Amino acid sequence: MKPALSEREGFAAFVLRMRSLGLSDQRLMAAFEATSRMAFVSGNLGTLAYGDRMLPIECGEFMEGLDLQARLIKALDLEPAHRVLEIGTGTGFTAAIMARLAGRVLSIERYRTLVELAQQRHQTLKIENIFIKHADGKLGLTHDGPFDRIVVWAAFESMPRQFVELLSSNGVMIAPIGPVDGKQVVSRLSKIGSRFEREDMMPARFLPLLDGVATAL
C-alpha cells in the first residue's frame, strides 16, 4: 500500500505545481493520472517519479522532469483526431500520455533497447495507438506523414526547416533550438503555408539530437 500512497501524493503535488503555473487542463491531467509514471522509471527512482528533475534511464539517456513534459504536451494542444510524431521515445511515458489525448502516436528512438522497453510498458498498459520505430529522427519520415503535431525531446542547432513538409496545414511542432553549449529555447513552430511561424516558450537545456541509430544498444 505504501508505494500506491506515495504515488498519489506525488501526483497531487504535481497537480498543485501545474495549477500554480496556470495549467489545469482536465483532459491533460486525467491522462497523467491514468498513466503511472512510476511504471516508467527504475525501481530505486520511484519516489522521484513525480518530481521536476531529470532522471537517468537506460542507455545513458535521461527522462525530462515531469513539469517540463506536461508543459510541452499542453503546448501541442492535442485533439482526438490528431496524428502525432514524437522524436525521442525514451521510456515511452510521454508517448503514453499523448496516446490518451490523440488518435495516433508514432515515436522514433535511436536506441533499440529503449524501443523494446517502451513497447513492453505500452503493452502492459494496453495502449494500442502507439507505434515505435528504431530509426534516425533527424532524417524525417515523409512516407509516414503528414502529422498534425510533432514534438522533439532533443535540441536542434538551428531551425528544423526540414520538418515543415512533415506537418499538415496549420500543424504545430514543439522543439528545443540552440547549441548544446549555448542558449537553448523551447519553441512552438506553427506551419503557415510552406514556412514556420515561431513562438519561443521558455529557456531550456536539452541534449543535442544525434545522427543515426545506436548499433550496440
N, C-alpha and C. Protein backbone atom coordinates (compact mmCIF):
# COMPACT_ATOMS: atom_id res chain seq x y z
N MET A 1 0.82 -1.22 0.00
CA MET A 1 0.00 0.00 0.00
C MET A 1 0.85 1.26 0.00
N LYS A 2 2.04 1.18 0.58
CA LYS A 2 2.86 2.38 0.68
C LYS A 2 3.24 2.97 -0.67
N PRO A 3 3.69 2.15 -1.68
CA PRO A 3 4.01 2.73 -2.98
C PRO A 3 2.83 3.45 -3.61
N ALA A 4 1.62 2.86 -3.50
CA ALA A 4 0.43 3.49 -4.08
C ALA A 4 0.16 4.84 -3.41
N LEU A 5 0.30 4.88 -2.08
CA LEU A 5 0.10 6.14 -1.37
C LEU A 5 1.12 7.18 -1.81
N SER A 6 2.38 6.74 -1.95
CA SER A 6 3.44 7.63 -2.39
C SER A 6 3.14 8.18 -3.78
N GLU A 7 2.61 7.34 -4.65
CA GLU A 7 2.27 7.79 -6.00
C GLU A 7 1.13 8.81 -5.97
N ARG A 8 0.13 8.56 -5.16
CA ARG A 8 -0.98 9.51 -5.06
C ARG A 8 -0.48 10.86 -4.56
N GLU A 9 0.37 10.83 -3.56
CA GLU A 9 0.91 12.07 -3.01
C GLU A 9 1.78 12.80 -4.06
N GLY A 10 2.57 12.03 -4.79
CA GLY A 10 3.40 12.62 -5.82
C GLY A 10 2.57 13.27 -6.91
N PHE A 11 1.52 12.59 -7.34
CA PHE A 11 0.65 13.14 -8.37
C PHE A 11 -0.05 14.39 -7.87
N ALA A 12 -0.51 14.38 -6.62
CA ALA A 12 -1.20 15.55 -6.05
C ALA A 12 -0.26 16.76 -6.02
N ALA A 13 1.01 16.53 -5.65
CA ALA A 13 1.97 17.62 -5.63
C ALA A 13 2.22 18.16 -7.03
N PHE A 14 2.26 17.27 -7.99
CA PHE A 14 2.42 17.66 -9.40
C PHE A 14 1.25 18.53 -9.86
N VAL A 15 0.04 18.13 -9.53
CA VAL A 15 -1.15 18.90 -9.91
C VAL A 15 -1.09 20.31 -9.32
N LEU A 16 -0.66 20.42 -8.07
CA LEU A 16 -0.56 21.73 -7.43
C LEU A 16 0.48 22.61 -8.13
N ARG A 17 1.60 22.01 -8.51
CA ARG A 17 2.62 22.79 -9.22
C ARG A 17 2.08 23.28 -10.56
N MET A 18 1.34 22.43 -11.25
CA MET A 18 0.78 22.82 -12.54
C MET A 18 -0.25 23.95 -12.37
N ARG A 19 -1.06 23.85 -11.35
CA ARG A 19 -2.05 24.91 -11.10
C ARG A 19 -1.37 26.24 -10.83
N SER A 20 -0.24 26.20 -10.13
CA SER A 20 0.49 27.44 -9.84
C SER A 20 1.03 28.08 -11.11
N LEU A 21 1.18 27.27 -12.17
CA LEU A 21 1.64 27.79 -13.46
C LEU A 21 0.47 28.12 -14.38
N GLY A 22 -0.75 27.95 -13.86
CA GLY A 22 -1.93 28.23 -14.66
C GLY A 22 -2.32 27.11 -15.60
N LEU A 23 -1.79 25.92 -15.35
CA LEU A 23 -2.09 24.78 -16.21
C LEU A 23 -3.02 23.83 -15.47
N SER A 24 -4.29 23.83 -15.85
CA SER A 24 -5.28 23.00 -15.15
C SER A 24 -6.18 22.26 -16.14
N ASP A 25 -5.67 21.97 -17.32
CA ASP A 25 -6.42 21.27 -18.35
C ASP A 25 -6.88 19.91 -17.84
N GLN A 26 -8.18 19.68 -17.80
CA GLN A 26 -8.71 18.45 -17.20
C GLN A 26 -8.37 17.21 -18.01
N ARG A 27 -8.43 17.31 -19.36
CA ARG A 27 -8.07 16.16 -20.19
C ARG A 27 -6.61 15.77 -19.99
N LEU A 28 -5.75 16.77 -19.93
CA LEU A 28 -4.33 16.51 -19.75
C LEU A 28 -4.05 15.88 -18.39
N MET A 29 -4.64 16.44 -17.35
CA MET A 29 -4.41 15.90 -16.01
C MET A 29 -4.98 14.48 -15.87
N ALA A 30 -6.10 14.22 -16.53
CA ALA A 30 -6.68 12.88 -16.49
C ALA A 30 -5.75 11.88 -17.17
N ALA A 31 -5.10 12.30 -18.25
CA ALA A 31 -4.16 11.42 -18.95
C ALA A 31 -2.96 11.09 -18.06
N PHE A 32 -2.46 12.09 -17.35
CA PHE A 32 -1.35 11.85 -16.43
C PHE A 32 -1.79 10.95 -15.27
N GLU A 33 -2.97 11.19 -14.76
CA GLU A 33 -3.45 10.38 -13.63
C GLU A 33 -3.64 8.93 -14.02
N ALA A 34 -4.02 8.68 -15.28
CA ALA A 34 -4.28 7.31 -15.74
C ALA A 34 -3.00 6.57 -16.11
N THR A 35 -1.85 7.25 -16.08
CA THR A 35 -0.60 6.66 -16.54
C THR A 35 0.44 6.72 -15.43
N SER A 36 0.63 5.64 -14.74
CA SER A 36 1.57 5.61 -13.62
C SER A 36 2.98 5.91 -14.08
N ARG A 37 3.52 7.04 -13.64
CA ARG A 37 4.89 7.38 -14.04
C ARG A 37 5.91 6.47 -13.36
N MET A 38 5.54 5.93 -12.22
CA MET A 38 6.44 5.01 -11.53
C MET A 38 6.73 3.77 -12.36
N ALA A 39 5.79 3.39 -13.22
CA ALA A 39 5.98 2.22 -14.07
C ALA A 39 6.99 2.47 -15.18
N PHE A 40 7.41 3.72 -15.34
CA PHE A 40 8.33 4.08 -16.42
C PHE A 40 9.73 4.44 -15.92
N VAL A 41 9.97 4.33 -14.63
CA VAL A 41 11.30 4.63 -14.09
C VAL A 41 11.82 3.42 -13.33
N SER A 42 13.14 3.38 -13.15
CA SER A 42 13.75 2.29 -12.40
C SER A 42 13.23 2.27 -10.97
N GLY A 43 13.16 1.08 -10.40
CA GLY A 43 12.56 0.90 -9.08
C GLY A 43 13.12 1.80 -8.00
N ASN A 44 14.44 1.99 -7.99
CA ASN A 44 15.04 2.81 -6.93
C ASN A 44 14.82 4.29 -7.13
N LEU A 45 14.24 4.68 -8.28
CA LEU A 45 13.95 6.09 -8.53
C LEU A 45 12.46 6.39 -8.42
N GLY A 46 11.68 5.39 -8.00
CA GLY A 46 10.24 5.53 -7.96
C GLY A 46 9.76 6.72 -7.15
N THR A 47 10.42 7.00 -6.05
CA THR A 47 9.97 8.11 -5.20
C THR A 47 10.22 9.47 -5.85
N LEU A 48 11.04 9.50 -6.91
CA LEU A 48 11.34 10.75 -7.60
C LEU A 48 10.52 10.91 -8.88
N ALA A 49 9.66 9.94 -9.16
CA ALA A 49 8.97 9.90 -10.45
C ALA A 49 8.13 11.15 -10.71
N TYR A 50 7.55 11.74 -9.67
CA TYR A 50 6.66 12.88 -9.87
C TYR A 50 7.34 14.21 -9.56
N GLY A 51 8.66 14.19 -9.52
CA GLY A 51 9.39 15.43 -9.28
C GLY A 51 9.70 16.17 -10.57
N ASP A 52 10.27 17.34 -10.41
CA ASP A 52 10.58 18.20 -11.56
C ASP A 52 12.08 18.19 -11.84
N ARG A 53 12.65 17.00 -11.93
CA ARG A 53 14.07 16.90 -12.24
C ARG A 53 14.28 15.76 -13.23
N MET A 54 15.35 15.88 -13.99
CA MET A 54 15.68 14.82 -14.94
C MET A 54 16.08 13.56 -14.19
N LEU A 55 15.72 12.41 -14.76
CA LEU A 55 16.05 11.13 -14.16
C LEU A 55 16.83 10.27 -15.15
N PRO A 56 17.88 9.58 -14.69
CA PRO A 56 18.62 8.70 -15.60
C PRO A 56 17.79 7.49 -15.99
N ILE A 57 17.93 7.09 -17.26
CA ILE A 57 17.25 5.88 -17.75
C ILE A 57 18.30 5.01 -18.46
N GLU A 58 17.85 3.96 -19.09
CA GLU A 58 18.76 3.05 -19.76
C GLU A 58 19.50 3.74 -20.91
N CYS A 59 20.60 3.12 -21.34
CA CYS A 59 21.40 3.57 -22.49
C CYS A 59 22.07 4.91 -22.26
N GLY A 60 22.24 5.29 -20.99
CA GLY A 60 22.91 6.55 -20.68
C GLY A 60 22.09 7.78 -21.00
N GLU A 61 20.80 7.60 -21.20
CA GLU A 61 19.91 8.71 -21.53
C GLU A 61 19.22 9.24 -20.28
N PHE A 62 18.37 10.26 -20.48
CA PHE A 62 17.67 10.89 -19.36
C PHE A 62 16.21 11.11 -19.70
N MET A 63 15.39 11.10 -18.66
CA MET A 63 13.97 11.40 -18.77
C MET A 63 13.76 12.82 -18.26
N GLU A 64 13.13 13.66 -19.05
CA GLU A 64 12.91 15.05 -18.64
C GLU A 64 12.02 15.11 -17.40
N GLY A 65 12.14 16.19 -16.64
CA GLY A 65 11.30 16.39 -15.48
C GLY A 65 9.82 16.43 -15.85
N LEU A 66 8.98 15.99 -14.95
CA LEU A 66 7.55 15.86 -15.24
C LEU A 66 6.90 17.19 -15.60
N ASP A 67 7.28 18.26 -14.91
CA ASP A 67 6.64 19.56 -15.17
C ASP A 67 6.93 20.02 -16.60
N LEU A 68 8.16 19.84 -17.06
CA LEU A 68 8.52 20.24 -18.42
C LEU A 68 7.77 19.38 -19.43
N GLN A 69 7.69 18.09 -19.18
CA GLN A 69 6.92 17.22 -20.07
C GLN A 69 5.48 17.69 -20.19
N ALA A 70 4.88 18.01 -19.07
CA ALA A 70 3.48 18.45 -19.08
C ALA A 70 3.31 19.75 -19.84
N ARG A 71 4.21 20.69 -19.66
CA ARG A 71 4.09 21.99 -20.33
C ARG A 71 4.23 21.86 -21.84
N LEU A 72 5.15 20.99 -22.28
CA LEU A 72 5.33 20.82 -23.72
C LEU A 72 4.16 20.08 -24.35
N ILE A 73 3.64 19.07 -23.66
CA ILE A 73 2.48 18.35 -24.19
C ILE A 73 1.26 19.27 -24.22
N LYS A 74 1.09 20.09 -23.20
CA LYS A 74 0.00 21.06 -23.19
C LYS A 74 0.10 22.00 -24.40
N ALA A 75 1.32 22.44 -24.72
CA ALA A 75 1.52 23.37 -25.82
C ALA A 75 1.17 22.75 -27.18
N LEU A 76 1.16 21.43 -27.26
CA LEU A 76 0.77 20.77 -28.50
C LEU A 76 -0.72 20.92 -28.79
N ASP A 77 -1.51 21.14 -27.73
CA ASP A 77 -2.96 21.31 -27.88
C ASP A 77 -3.56 20.14 -28.66
N LEU A 78 -3.39 18.94 -28.12
CA LEU A 78 -3.77 17.71 -28.81
C LEU A 78 -5.29 17.51 -28.84
N GLU A 79 -5.75 17.01 -29.98
CA GLU A 79 -7.16 16.67 -30.17
C GLU A 79 -7.27 15.18 -30.54
N PRO A 80 -8.44 14.57 -30.31
CA PRO A 80 -8.60 13.12 -30.51
C PRO A 80 -8.28 12.64 -31.92
N ALA A 81 -8.39 13.49 -32.93
CA ALA A 81 -8.14 13.05 -34.30
C ALA A 81 -6.69 13.26 -34.75
N HIS A 82 -5.86 13.84 -33.91
CA HIS A 82 -4.51 14.21 -34.32
C HIS A 82 -3.59 13.01 -34.51
N ARG A 83 -2.74 13.12 -35.53
CA ARG A 83 -1.62 12.20 -35.74
C ARG A 83 -0.38 12.90 -35.21
N VAL A 84 0.36 12.23 -34.33
CA VAL A 84 1.48 12.85 -33.64
C VAL A 84 2.78 12.11 -33.97
N LEU A 85 3.83 12.87 -34.22
CA LEU A 85 5.18 12.33 -34.35
C LEU A 85 6.00 12.78 -33.15
N GLU A 86 6.59 11.82 -32.46
CA GLU A 86 7.47 12.11 -31.33
C GLU A 86 8.87 11.63 -31.69
N ILE A 87 9.85 12.49 -31.49
CA ILE A 87 11.24 12.10 -31.72
C ILE A 87 11.95 12.05 -30.37
N GLY A 88 12.32 10.84 -29.99
CA GLY A 88 12.91 10.60 -28.68
C GLY A 88 11.92 9.89 -27.78
N THR A 89 11.77 8.59 -27.97
CA THR A 89 10.79 7.82 -27.19
C THR A 89 11.16 7.77 -25.72
N GLY A 90 12.47 7.59 -25.44
CA GLY A 90 12.90 7.44 -24.06
C GLY A 90 12.24 6.26 -23.38
N THR A 91 11.62 6.50 -22.25
CA THR A 91 10.93 5.43 -21.52
C THR A 91 9.59 5.06 -22.15
N GLY A 92 9.06 5.94 -22.99
CA GLY A 92 7.73 5.72 -23.55
C GLY A 92 6.63 6.42 -22.78
N PHE A 93 6.99 7.15 -21.73
CA PHE A 93 5.97 7.79 -20.88
C PHE A 93 5.21 8.87 -21.63
N THR A 94 5.93 9.78 -22.29
CA THR A 94 5.23 10.87 -22.97
C THR A 94 4.38 10.36 -24.13
N ALA A 95 4.85 9.30 -24.79
CA ALA A 95 4.03 8.71 -25.87
C ALA A 95 2.73 8.17 -25.29
N ALA A 96 2.81 7.56 -24.10
CA ALA A 96 1.61 7.03 -23.46
C ALA A 96 0.62 8.13 -23.11
N ILE A 97 1.13 9.24 -22.61
CA ILE A 97 0.26 10.39 -22.28
C ILE A 97 -0.40 10.91 -23.55
N MET A 98 0.38 11.13 -24.58
CA MET A 98 -0.16 11.70 -25.81
C MET A 98 -1.14 10.75 -26.49
N ALA A 99 -0.91 9.45 -26.36
CA ALA A 99 -1.83 8.48 -26.97
C ALA A 99 -3.21 8.53 -26.33
N ARG A 100 -3.29 8.99 -25.09
CA ARG A 100 -4.60 9.13 -24.43
C ARG A 100 -5.32 10.41 -24.87
N LEU A 101 -4.60 11.29 -25.56
CA LEU A 101 -5.16 12.57 -25.97
C LEU A 101 -5.34 12.69 -27.48
N ALA A 102 -4.60 11.88 -28.24
CA ALA A 102 -4.60 11.98 -29.70
C ALA A 102 -5.04 10.66 -30.32
N GLY A 103 -5.16 10.67 -31.66
CA GLY A 103 -5.62 9.48 -32.35
C GLY A 103 -4.54 8.46 -32.58
N ARG A 104 -3.32 8.92 -32.91
CA ARG A 104 -2.23 8.00 -33.25
C ARG A 104 -0.91 8.68 -32.92
N VAL A 105 0.01 7.94 -32.31
CA VAL A 105 1.33 8.46 -31.98
C VAL A 105 2.39 7.56 -32.62
N LEU A 106 3.24 8.15 -33.44
CA LEU A 106 4.42 7.46 -33.96
C LEU A 106 5.62 8.03 -33.22
N SER A 107 6.37 7.17 -32.53
CA SER A 107 7.50 7.62 -31.73
C SER A 107 8.79 7.01 -32.30
N ILE A 108 9.82 7.84 -32.45
CA ILE A 108 11.09 7.44 -33.04
C ILE A 108 12.17 7.43 -31.97
N GLU A 109 12.95 6.34 -31.93
CA GLU A 109 14.01 6.21 -30.93
C GLU A 109 15.25 5.58 -31.57
N ARG A 110 16.44 6.12 -31.25
CA ARG A 110 17.68 5.61 -31.85
C ARG A 110 18.25 4.41 -31.10
N TYR A 111 17.78 4.15 -29.88
CA TYR A 111 18.29 3.02 -29.09
C TYR A 111 17.28 1.87 -29.11
N ARG A 112 17.71 0.73 -29.64
CA ARG A 112 16.80 -0.41 -29.73
C ARG A 112 16.34 -0.88 -28.35
N THR A 113 17.22 -0.81 -27.37
CA THR A 113 16.85 -1.23 -26.01
C THR A 113 15.68 -0.40 -25.49
N LEU A 114 15.73 0.92 -25.71
CA LEU A 114 14.64 1.78 -25.25
C LEU A 114 13.35 1.49 -26.01
N VAL A 115 13.47 1.19 -27.30
CA VAL A 115 12.30 0.83 -28.09
C VAL A 115 11.60 -0.39 -27.48
N GLU A 116 12.38 -1.42 -27.20
CA GLU A 116 11.80 -2.67 -26.69
C GLU A 116 11.18 -2.48 -25.31
N LEU A 117 11.85 -1.73 -24.44
CA LEU A 117 11.31 -1.50 -23.10
C LEU A 117 10.02 -0.68 -23.15
N ALA A 118 10.01 0.35 -23.99
CA ALA A 118 8.80 1.17 -24.12
C ALA A 118 7.64 0.34 -24.66
N GLN A 119 7.91 -0.50 -25.65
CA GLN A 119 6.85 -1.35 -26.20
C GLN A 119 6.27 -2.27 -25.13
N GLN A 120 7.13 -2.82 -24.29
CA GLN A 120 6.65 -3.69 -23.21
C GLN A 120 5.75 -2.92 -22.24
N ARG A 121 6.14 -1.70 -21.90
CA ARG A 121 5.33 -0.90 -20.98
C ARG A 121 3.97 -0.56 -21.59
N HIS A 122 3.96 -0.20 -22.86
CA HIS A 122 2.70 0.13 -23.52
C HIS A 122 1.79 -1.09 -23.63
N GLN A 123 2.38 -2.25 -23.87
CA GLN A 123 1.58 -3.48 -23.92
C GLN A 123 0.95 -3.77 -22.57
N THR A 124 1.73 -3.56 -21.50
CA THR A 124 1.20 -3.78 -20.15
C THR A 124 0.02 -2.86 -19.86
N LEU A 125 0.11 -1.62 -20.35
CA LEU A 125 -0.96 -0.64 -20.14
C LEU A 125 -2.11 -0.79 -21.14
N LYS A 126 -1.91 -1.70 -22.12
CA LYS A 126 -2.92 -1.94 -23.16
C LYS A 126 -3.24 -0.68 -23.96
N ILE A 127 -2.19 0.09 -24.25
CA ILE A 127 -2.33 1.26 -25.12
C ILE A 127 -1.95 0.83 -26.53
N GLU A 128 -2.89 0.89 -27.45
CA GLU A 128 -2.70 0.27 -28.76
C GLU A 128 -2.54 1.26 -29.91
N ASN A 129 -2.59 2.56 -29.65
CA ASN A 129 -2.46 3.53 -30.73
C ASN A 129 -1.09 4.22 -30.74
N ILE A 130 -0.07 3.52 -30.22
CA ILE A 130 1.32 3.99 -30.26
C ILE A 130 2.12 3.04 -31.14
N PHE A 131 2.93 3.60 -32.03
CA PHE A 131 3.80 2.81 -32.89
C PHE A 131 5.21 3.35 -32.73
N ILE A 132 6.15 2.50 -32.35
CA ILE A 132 7.52 2.93 -32.09
C ILE A 132 8.45 2.37 -33.15
N LYS A 133 9.32 3.24 -33.68
CA LYS A 133 10.28 2.83 -34.69
C LYS A 133 11.70 3.05 -34.19
N HIS A 134 12.57 2.08 -34.48
CA HIS A 134 14.00 2.25 -34.23
C HIS A 134 14.58 2.91 -35.47
N ALA A 135 14.82 4.22 -35.42
CA ALA A 135 15.19 4.96 -36.61
C ALA A 135 15.92 6.24 -36.23
N ASP A 136 16.44 6.93 -37.25
CA ASP A 136 17.13 8.21 -37.09
C ASP A 136 16.11 9.33 -37.20
N GLY A 137 15.84 10.00 -36.10
CA GLY A 137 14.83 11.05 -36.09
C GLY A 137 15.19 12.27 -36.91
N LYS A 138 16.48 12.48 -37.19
CA LYS A 138 16.91 13.64 -37.96
C LYS A 138 16.51 13.55 -39.43
N LEU A 139 16.32 12.32 -39.91
CA LEU A 139 16.07 12.13 -41.33
C LEU A 139 14.66 12.52 -41.74
N GLY A 140 13.76 12.54 -40.77
CA GLY A 140 12.36 12.79 -41.11
C GLY A 140 11.72 11.53 -41.66
N LEU A 141 10.40 11.48 -41.67
CA LEU A 141 9.68 10.28 -42.09
C LEU A 141 8.55 10.69 -43.01
N THR A 142 8.91 11.18 -44.17
CA THR A 142 7.92 11.73 -45.08
C THR A 142 6.87 10.71 -45.50
N HIS A 143 7.27 9.43 -45.58
CA HIS A 143 6.31 8.42 -46.01
C HIS A 143 5.30 8.08 -44.92
N ASP A 144 5.57 8.49 -43.67
CA ASP A 144 4.64 8.24 -42.57
C ASP A 144 3.73 9.44 -42.29
N GLY A 145 4.05 10.58 -42.86
CA GLY A 145 3.28 11.79 -42.59
C GLY A 145 2.10 11.93 -43.53
N PRO A 146 1.45 13.09 -43.50
CA PRO A 146 1.79 14.22 -42.64
C PRO A 146 1.29 14.02 -41.21
N PHE A 147 1.81 14.86 -40.32
CA PHE A 147 1.42 14.81 -38.91
C PHE A 147 0.79 16.15 -38.51
N ASP A 148 -0.15 16.06 -37.61
CA ASP A 148 -0.78 17.29 -37.09
C ASP A 148 0.09 17.95 -36.02
N ARG A 149 0.85 17.11 -35.30
CA ARG A 149 1.70 17.61 -34.24
C ARG A 149 3.02 16.85 -34.24
N ILE A 150 4.11 17.56 -33.92
CA ILE A 150 5.43 16.95 -33.77
C ILE A 150 6.05 17.48 -32.49
N VAL A 151 6.65 16.60 -31.69
CA VAL A 151 7.38 17.04 -30.50
C VAL A 151 8.73 16.33 -30.49
N VAL A 152 9.76 17.09 -30.15
CA VAL A 152 11.13 16.57 -30.16
C VAL A 152 11.75 16.78 -28.78
N TRP A 153 12.31 15.70 -28.23
CA TRP A 153 12.90 15.75 -26.89
C TRP A 153 14.42 15.83 -26.95
N ALA A 154 14.94 16.55 -27.92
CA ALA A 154 16.37 16.82 -28.06
C ALA A 154 16.50 18.12 -28.85
N ALA A 155 17.66 18.76 -28.76
CA ALA A 155 17.79 20.10 -29.32
C ALA A 155 18.36 20.09 -30.74
N PHE A 156 17.76 20.93 -31.58
CA PHE A 156 18.30 21.23 -32.90
C PHE A 156 19.26 22.41 -32.77
N GLU A 157 20.34 22.39 -33.55
CA GLU A 157 21.28 23.52 -33.54
C GLU A 157 20.62 24.78 -34.10
N SER A 158 19.75 24.62 -35.09
CA SER A 158 19.09 25.76 -35.73
C SER A 158 17.66 25.36 -36.09
N MET A 159 16.94 26.27 -36.69
CA MET A 159 15.54 25.99 -37.05
C MET A 159 15.42 24.70 -37.87
N PRO A 160 14.57 23.77 -37.45
CA PRO A 160 14.43 22.48 -38.15
C PRO A 160 13.51 22.59 -39.38
N ARG A 161 13.97 23.34 -40.37
CA ARG A 161 13.12 23.63 -41.53
C ARG A 161 12.77 22.38 -42.33
N GLN A 162 13.60 21.33 -42.19
CA GLN A 162 13.34 20.10 -42.93
C GLN A 162 12.06 19.40 -42.47
N PHE A 163 11.50 19.85 -41.35
CA PHE A 163 10.29 19.22 -40.83
C PHE A 163 9.01 19.91 -41.30
N VAL A 164 9.14 21.03 -42.02
CA VAL A 164 7.94 21.73 -42.48
C VAL A 164 7.05 20.82 -43.30
N GLU A 165 7.66 20.03 -44.18
CA GLU A 165 6.88 19.18 -45.07
C GLU A 165 6.22 18.01 -44.34
N LEU A 166 6.68 17.70 -43.14
CA LEU A 166 6.08 16.61 -42.37
C LEU A 166 4.79 17.02 -41.68
N LEU A 167 4.57 18.33 -41.56
CA LEU A 167 3.38 18.83 -40.86
C LEU A 167 2.22 19.06 -41.82
N SER A 168 1.04 18.75 -41.35
CA SER A 168 -0.16 19.08 -42.10
C SER A 168 -0.40 20.59 -42.03
N SER A 169 -1.31 21.09 -42.84
CA SER A 169 -1.62 22.51 -42.83
C SER A 169 -2.06 22.95 -41.43
N ASN A 170 -1.49 24.04 -40.94
CA ASN A 170 -1.75 24.57 -39.59
C ASN A 170 -1.26 23.64 -38.49
N GLY A 171 -0.35 22.73 -38.83
CA GLY A 171 0.22 21.84 -37.83
C GLY A 171 1.16 22.58 -36.89
N VAL A 172 1.51 21.92 -35.77
CA VAL A 172 2.36 22.53 -34.75
C VAL A 172 3.49 21.59 -34.39
N MET A 173 4.68 22.16 -34.26
CA MET A 173 5.86 21.42 -33.83
C MET A 173 6.45 22.09 -32.60
N ILE A 174 6.76 21.30 -31.58
CA ILE A 174 7.43 21.80 -30.37
C ILE A 174 8.84 21.23 -30.36
N ALA A 175 9.84 22.11 -30.28
CA ALA A 175 11.22 21.63 -30.33
C ALA A 175 12.16 22.61 -29.63
N PRO A 176 13.16 22.09 -28.90
CA PRO A 176 14.22 22.95 -28.37
C PRO A 176 15.17 23.32 -29.51
N ILE A 177 15.62 24.57 -29.52
CA ILE A 177 16.51 25.04 -30.57
C ILE A 177 17.68 25.79 -29.92
N GLY A 178 18.91 25.45 -30.36
CA GLY A 178 20.08 26.13 -29.85
C GLY A 178 21.24 25.18 -29.66
N PRO A 179 22.46 25.69 -29.58
CA PRO A 179 23.65 24.84 -29.43
C PRO A 179 23.71 24.18 -28.06
N VAL A 180 24.34 23.01 -28.00
CA VAL A 180 24.40 22.26 -26.75
C VAL A 180 25.16 23.04 -25.67
N ASP A 181 26.13 23.88 -26.08
CA ASP A 181 26.93 24.62 -25.11
C ASP A 181 26.55 26.10 -25.06
N GLY A 182 25.37 26.42 -25.58
CA GLY A 182 24.93 27.81 -25.59
C GLY A 182 23.49 27.95 -25.16
N LYS A 183 22.88 29.04 -25.57
CA LYS A 183 21.50 29.32 -25.18
C LYS A 183 20.53 28.49 -26.00
N GLN A 184 19.64 27.77 -25.33
CA GLN A 184 18.59 27.00 -25.98
C GLN A 184 17.23 27.53 -25.54
N VAL A 185 16.26 27.39 -26.43
CA VAL A 185 14.90 27.80 -26.09
C VAL A 185 13.93 26.80 -26.70
N VAL A 186 12.90 26.45 -25.95
CA VAL A 186 11.84 25.62 -26.49
C VAL A 186 10.92 26.50 -27.32
N SER A 187 10.70 26.12 -28.57
CA SER A 187 9.90 26.93 -29.48
C SER A 187 8.67 26.17 -29.95
N ARG A 188 7.59 26.92 -30.15
CA ARG A 188 6.37 26.38 -30.74
C ARG A 188 6.32 26.88 -32.18
N LEU A 189 6.46 25.95 -33.11
CA LEU A 189 6.54 26.29 -34.53
C LEU A 189 5.23 25.92 -35.20
N SER A 190 4.52 26.91 -35.71
CA SER A 190 3.24 26.69 -36.39
C SER A 190 3.46 26.76 -37.89
N LYS A 191 2.92 25.78 -38.62
CA LYS A 191 3.08 25.78 -40.07
C LYS A 191 2.10 26.74 -40.71
N ILE A 192 2.65 27.71 -41.41
CA ILE A 192 1.85 28.69 -42.16
C ILE A 192 2.30 28.59 -43.62
N GLY A 193 1.47 28.01 -44.46
CA GLY A 193 1.87 27.80 -45.85
C GLY A 193 3.03 26.83 -45.93
N SER A 194 4.17 27.29 -46.42
CA SER A 194 5.36 26.45 -46.55
C SER A 194 6.47 26.88 -45.60
N ARG A 195 6.10 27.57 -44.52
CA ARG A 195 7.11 28.05 -43.58
C ARG A 195 6.61 27.88 -42.15
N PHE A 196 7.51 28.13 -41.21
CA PHE A 196 7.19 28.08 -39.79
C PHE A 196 7.00 29.49 -39.25
N GLU A 197 6.01 29.64 -38.38
CA GLU A 197 5.89 30.85 -37.56
C GLU A 197 6.34 30.46 -36.16
N ARG A 198 7.34 31.13 -35.64
CA ARG A 198 8.00 30.71 -34.40
C ARG A 198 7.55 31.53 -33.19
N GLU A 199 7.25 30.82 -32.11
CA GLU A 199 6.94 31.45 -30.82
C GLU A 199 7.81 30.79 -29.76
N ASP A 200 8.72 31.54 -29.17
CA ASP A 200 9.61 31.00 -28.15
C ASP A 200 8.86 30.92 -26.82
N MET A 201 8.95 29.75 -26.16
CA MET A 201 8.18 29.50 -24.95
C MET A 201 8.98 29.69 -23.68
N MET A 202 10.18 29.07 -23.63
CA MET A 202 10.93 29.07 -22.37
C MET A 202 12.38 28.67 -22.64
N PRO A 203 13.31 29.13 -21.81
CA PRO A 203 14.68 28.64 -21.93
C PRO A 203 14.74 27.17 -21.51
N ALA A 204 15.73 26.46 -22.02
CA ALA A 204 15.80 25.02 -21.73
C ALA A 204 17.23 24.55 -21.86
N ARG A 205 17.44 23.31 -21.43
CA ARG A 205 18.74 22.67 -21.59
C ARG A 205 18.51 21.21 -21.98
N PHE A 206 18.64 20.93 -23.27
CA PHE A 206 18.43 19.58 -23.79
C PHE A 206 19.72 19.06 -24.40
N LEU A 207 19.86 17.74 -24.44
CA LEU A 207 20.95 17.12 -25.17
C LEU A 207 20.70 17.31 -26.67
N PRO A 208 21.75 17.31 -27.49
CA PRO A 208 21.57 17.50 -28.93
C PRO A 208 20.90 16.30 -29.58
N LEU A 209 20.20 16.54 -30.68
CA LEU A 209 19.63 15.46 -31.48
C LEU A 209 20.75 14.81 -32.27
N LEU A 210 21.00 13.54 -32.03
CA LEU A 210 22.14 12.86 -32.64
C LEU A 210 21.78 12.22 -33.97
N ASP A 211 22.79 12.07 -34.81
CA ASP A 211 22.60 11.41 -36.10
C ASP A 211 22.60 9.88 -35.92
N GLY A 212 21.90 9.21 -36.82
CA GLY A 212 21.98 7.76 -36.90
C GLY A 212 21.25 7.03 -35.79
N VAL A 213 21.42 5.71 -35.79
CA VAL A 213 20.86 4.86 -34.74
C VAL A 213 21.99 4.18 -34.00
N ALA A 214 21.75 3.83 -32.75
CA ALA A 214 22.77 3.13 -31.96
C ALA A 214 22.87 1.69 -32.44
N THR A 215 24.07 1.21 -32.65
CA THR A 215 24.25 -0.14 -33.17
C THR A 215 24.39 -1.19 -32.06
N ALA A 216 24.85 -0.79 -30.88
CA ALA A 216 25.11 -1.77 -29.82
C ALA A 216 24.00 -1.86 -28.79
N LEU A 217 23.25 -0.77 -28.58
CA LEU A 217 22.23 -0.74 -27.52
C LEU A 217 20.84 -0.70 -28.10
